[in-house]
Amino acid sequence: MPFINVKNFPYMSPPGRLYIHEDGSKDVFHGDEERAVDYFFIAVDKNKELLSDIDYFLAAVWGDVSKNEKVADVFGYTGIDNWPGNPEVYAWTLKEGVYVPSNAIACGDMLIMLGKEEEYRRSRKNAYEYLNILPKNILNI
């Protein structure tokens, strides 16, 4: 997969995972993963209302090299009370920290990752286990 790293935030409110995509990472984030993580937290902080009613999130940060823009694709999940359930998924794109409504949901890389994350989630016995225990091959799931 084209993700160079994943950061897990099981104790954040809401909890979640952040994937760092190789696209634009070198150019827009200057190859610095911490810059990518910092951008995500700044962007989310500016848009707290988007994440206020979700159970957990999955997100990816990447750089749009053609526009030199920092981008975060964020997916919020709700409805996991009856585990594993079949959660509803909401999607937001944050460009340079601003929510940008779009008909586009995600790129193909992200869709593959989201599907594999859902398969992994359903194999866990509860939300705590899913959010706290990363599979050993997380970047290849």
Protein backbone atom coordinates (compact mmCIF):
# COMPACT_ATOMS: atom_id res chain seq x y z
CA MET A 1 0.00 0.00 0.00
CA PRO A 2 1.17 3.54 -0.61
CA PHE A 3 0.89 4.56 3.03
CA ILE A 4 4.25 5.23 4.63
CA ASN A 5 3.05 5.12 8.23
CA VAL A 6 0.04 4.92 10.49
CA LYS A 7 -0.45 6.61 13.84
CA ASN A 8 -2.91 5.21 16.32
CA PHE A 9 -4.82 7.47 18.71
CA PRO A 10 -6.97 5.13 20.84
CA TYR A 11 -7.35 7.60 23.73
CA MET A 12 -8.22 10.65 21.67
CA SER A 13 -11.84 11.81 21.70
CA PRO A 14 -12.99 10.42 19.35
CA PRO A 15 -10.36 7.70 18.95
CA GLY A 16 -8.94 6.80 15.57
CA ARG A 17 -6.09 6.11 13.21
CA LEU A 18 -4.21 8.40 10.88
CA TYR A 19 -2.52 7.09 7.76
CA ILE A 20 0.21 9.09 6.07
CA HIS A 21 0.06 8.67 2.30
CA GLU A 22 3.21 8.86 0.21
CA ASP A 23 1.53 11.24 -2.28
CA GLY A 24 2.99 14.66 -1.70
CA SER A 25 4.58 13.64 1.56
CA LYS A 26 8.05 14.54 0.34
CA ASP A 27 7.05 17.77 -1.41
CA VAL A 28 4.25 19.22 0.71
CA PHE A 29 5.26 17.90 4.14
CA HIS A 30 9.01 17.96 3.30
CA GLY A 31 9.28 14.27 4.16
CA ASP A 32 8.48 15.03 7.79
CA GLU A 33 5.81 12.72 9.21
CA GLU A 34 5.39 14.89 12.29
CA ARG A 35 4.45 17.83 10.04
CA ALA A 36 1.77 15.64 8.51
CA VAL A 37 0.46 14.64 11.94
CA ASP A 38 0.57 18.26 13.14
CA TYR A 39 -1.37 19.37 10.07
CA PHE A 40 -4.04 16.76 10.78
CA PHE A 41 -4.52 17.93 14.37
CA ILE A 42 -4.62 21.59 13.35
CA ALA A 43 -7.17 20.84 10.61
CA VAL A 44 -9.33 18.73 12.92
CA ASP A 45 -9.15 21.33 15.68
CA LYS A 46 -10.49 23.95 13.24
CA ASN A 47 -13.37 21.61 12.33
CA LYS A 48 -14.27 20.03 15.69
CA GLU A 49 -17.97 19.98 14.88
CA LEU A 50 -17.41 17.44 12.11
CA LEU A 51 -16.07 14.85 14.54
CA SER A 52 -18.31 15.64 17.49
CA ASP A 53 -20.87 12.84 17.01
CA ILE A 54 -18.78 9.92 15.80
CA ASP A 55 -17.57 6.80 17.59
CA TYR A 56 -14.16 6.71 15.89
CA PHE A 57 -12.32 7.95 12.81
CA LEU A 58 -9.97 6.73 10.13
CA ALA A 59 -8.08 9.39 8.22
CA ALA A 60 -5.29 9.94 5.75
CA VAL A 61 -3.11 12.97 5.16
CA TRP A 62 -1.48 13.62 1.83
CA GLY A 63 -0.19 16.48 -0.23
CA ASP A 64 -1.64 17.79 -3.47
CA VAL A 65 1.64 18.62 -5.20
CA SER A 66 -0.03 20.46 -8.11
CA LYS A 67 -1.52 23.01 -5.68
CA ASN A 68 1.01 22.62 -2.85
CA GLU A 69 -1.91 21.90 -0.51
CA LYS A 70 -2.06 19.82 2.64
CA VAL A 71 -5.08 17.52 2.57
CA ALA A 72 -6.78 15.29 5.12
CA ASP A 73 -9.47 12.80 4.16
CA VAL A 74 -11.42 11.95 7.31
CA PHE A 75 -13.95 9.16 7.75
CA GLY A 76 -16.19 9.17 10.80
CA TYR A 77 -17.92 5.99 11.98
CA THR A 78 -21.09 5.76 14.08
CA GLY A 79 -23.33 2.93 15.22
CA ILE A 80 -20.93 0.47 16.84
CA ASP A 81 -22.89 0.00 20.09
CA ASN A 82 -24.06 -3.47 19.01
CA TRP A 83 -20.59 -4.78 18.07
CA PRO A 84 -19.57 -5.35 15.40
CA GLY A 85 -22.69 -3.89 13.85
CA ASN A 86 -22.66 -2.23 10.48
CA PRO A 87 -21.56 1.36 11.11
CA GLU A 88 -22.53 4.38 9.10
CA VAL A 89 -19.56 6.17 7.58
CA TYR A 90 -19.26 9.90 6.97
CA ALA A 91 -16.53 11.49 4.85
CA TRP A 92 -14.92 14.93 4.96
CA THR A 93 -12.06 16.49 3.05
CA LEU A 94 -10.01 19.19 4.74
CA LYS A 95 -7.73 21.22 2.47
CA GLU A 96 -5.32 23.56 4.19
CA GLY A 97 -7.47 23.08 7.29
CA VAL A 98 -10.73 24.11 5.62
CA TYR A 99 -13.64 21.71 5.13
CA VAL A 100 -14.29 21.42 1.41
CA PRO A 101 -17.57 19.71 0.48
CA SER A 102 -16.99 17.40 -2.45
CA ASN A 103 -18.77 14.74 -4.45
CA ALA A 104 -15.52 12.77 -4.46
CA ILE A 105 -15.34 10.43 -1.47
CA ALA A 106 -11.75 9.20 -1.59
CA CYS A 107 -9.03 7.87 -3.84
CA GLY A 108 -8.75 4.16 -4.62
CA ASP A 109 -5.87 3.67 -2.17
CA MET A 110 -8.04 4.96 0.65
CA LEU A 111 -10.99 2.79 -0.37
CA ILE A 112 -8.78 -0.30 -0.26
CA MET A 113 -7.48 0.68 3.18
CA LEU A 114 -10.99 1.40 4.49
CA GLY A 115 -12.22 -2.00 3.30
CA LYS A 116 -9.30 -3.80 4.91
CA GLU A 117 -9.77 -1.82 8.12
CA GLU A 118 -13.44 -2.88 8.17
CA GLU A 119 -12.50 -6.52 7.70
CA TYR A 120 -10.04 -6.20 10.57
CA ARG A 121 -12.59 -4.40 12.75
CA ARG A 122 -15.12 -7.19 12.29
CA SER A 123 -12.54 -9.77 13.34
CA ARG A 124 -12.07 -8.09 16.75
CA LYS A 125 -14.30 -8.95 19.70
CA ASN A 126 -14.98 -5.33 20.70
CA ALA A 127 -14.20 -1.69 19.92
CA TYR A 128 -11.48 -1.50 22.56
CA GLU A 129 -9.56 -4.38 20.99
CA TYR A 130 -10.02 -2.95 17.49
CA LEU A 131 -8.87 0.55 18.39
CA ASN A 132 -6.01 -0.44 20.70
CA ILE A 133 -4.42 -3.42 18.98
CA LEU A 134 -2.96 -2.71 15.57
CA PRO A 135 -2.38 -5.71 13.33
CA LYS A 136 1.31 -6.47 12.83
CA ASN A 137 1.01 -5.83 9.11
CA ILE A 138 -1.10 -2.67 9.44
CA LEU A 139 0.39 -0.95 6.38
CA ASN A 140 -0.33 -4.03 4.28
CA ILE A 141 -3.76 -4.95 5.55
